[in-house]
Amino acid sequence: MTLKLTHIYRYPVKGLSPELLTTASLTPGEGLEHDRRFAIAHATTAFDPAAPQWLSKTHFLMLMRNAGLARLDARFDAETGVLTLNQDDSEVARGDLTTVQGRGEIESFFATTMGDETEGTPHILEAPGHMFSDTPPQVVSIISLASLRDLENALGTPVDHRRFRANLYFDGTLGAVPWQELEWVDKEIAIGAARLRVIARTDRCAATNVNPDTAERDLNIPKSLMKEFGHVDMGVYAEVLEGGVIHSGDEISAPK
């Protein structure tokens, strides 16, 4: 059985919708380029861009508490720095996140539309080389579609893979073994020319309960994982050891 990379996603703004890529460049010690580059912080969040420190997701707008974020279709242009937000096929906000004025446009939108959920007027954060990840190390998140199918079979209902907001999804040419990626912790894998070390399983929170199309909390994923499988994990985190360009369809060499 051969494992193949099926999807590549990045999330330029933490909590907002993903961008589906066909190719990406991996760099040692870093996540995907532009992944979680920006975050929408509560007014009470203290952060120094000149000396950035990791902060837990509770400091930011996020799907676990702000399900309405899923109603927005976000598009980030890495060349211009412009973020465009659409809802119901209509543009609702636009701003250059690399400028004070542009960030202000986006901050004003969220202050107006999110109400008390923002804990005051939010502010857009960015710091060179910093990633607003849910874990302190800069990582790439990976999920097997076979594990997702096993969850679907247990629940008797489809589960959109986008609920889990991973960077990389993979499958087997003849069907991968469910949950095999959970056994990769402390082991190395190769994706195309890149080499990664899996450092941890990814435990899941209530953000996965939010339907990425409707913004409704229509499933309880952590509860279901624990009931059916005895854990709340879906996927793993990996750090990049050797960089390289990866493509959808690349072969994944799993640990023996």
Foldseek 3Di string as FASTA:
>chain_A
DFKFWAWFWADLEAAAAIDTDFKFWADFQAATPSHQQKFWFAPPDDADLVDGDADACVRGDHLLQQLVNLQWDWDADPVQQKIWIDGPNHTDFIARLVDPVRQVRVQVSCCVPVPCVRNPRIGMDGHPPDHRDNDRGRWAWEFEVLQQVVLCVLVVHHQDPCLVVGRIYMADPVGDDHPPQQVQAQHWKDWAPWIKHWHFFDADHQSSLADSNPSDSNDRQQVSCCVPPNGRTGTTIIGTDGMDMHGGGTTMGGDD
